[in-house]
Amino acid sequence: MGENVIKTMSAHDLTPRPGGPALSDVTDAIKDLFGKIHSQSQRTHAGVVIATAAILDSQLEDALKRAMRPMSKGRYKTLFDPFRPLGDFAGKIAMAYALGIVSEEVFRELEKIRKIRNLFAHSTEHLHLGSVEVAPLFATLKRPHMNGTIRDIEWFVRCAKAVGDSLKEYMKRMGERP
């Protein structure tokens, strides 16, 4: 009692038996399962894209604060809270470029990531990086050189990581505040 018994399936288990499921039913069930797995993997694109953009948004905010004079938390809030001048991703990207925190190239990549993020965040449709709405913009992201076959979501994350690395380099150049 209480023992877990693990049974592996064999071809015998899929053999039609009187009163058992037909092979075509099992085949259809397997196809359906793989279809659902594929669909779920594409749904994760939205979560990864939105979370990755949020991380870049946070890194941009840190870099912008580093470029500014030291201020109280309240003063920063007047700039970075929602509906304030730097309260959204677009405003932070524009200001980071204006202050020379990011290069023209990084600015363009951030804008593409922001637009991809917005497609996912504001769509009522089930999107993935290969969707008709997303794929053309996704294809324009500058891709780091890599060997082998890489899934779309991995490409997106690696492109975003390259941008994040640029922001980390800026922070390192700026040094710690006293």
Foldseek 3Di string as FASTA:
>chain_A
DPDDDDDDDDVVNLDDDVVDDDNVVVVVVVVVVVVVVVLVVQLVQLVLLLVLLVVVLVLLLVLVCLVDDDDDPVVSCQAQPPPHQNVDQVSSLVVCVVSVLDDPLLSVLSVLSVVLNCCSVPDPDRGGCPDPVRVVSLVPQDFDDDDDDDDSSRRVNRSSVVSSVSSVVSDVVSDDDD
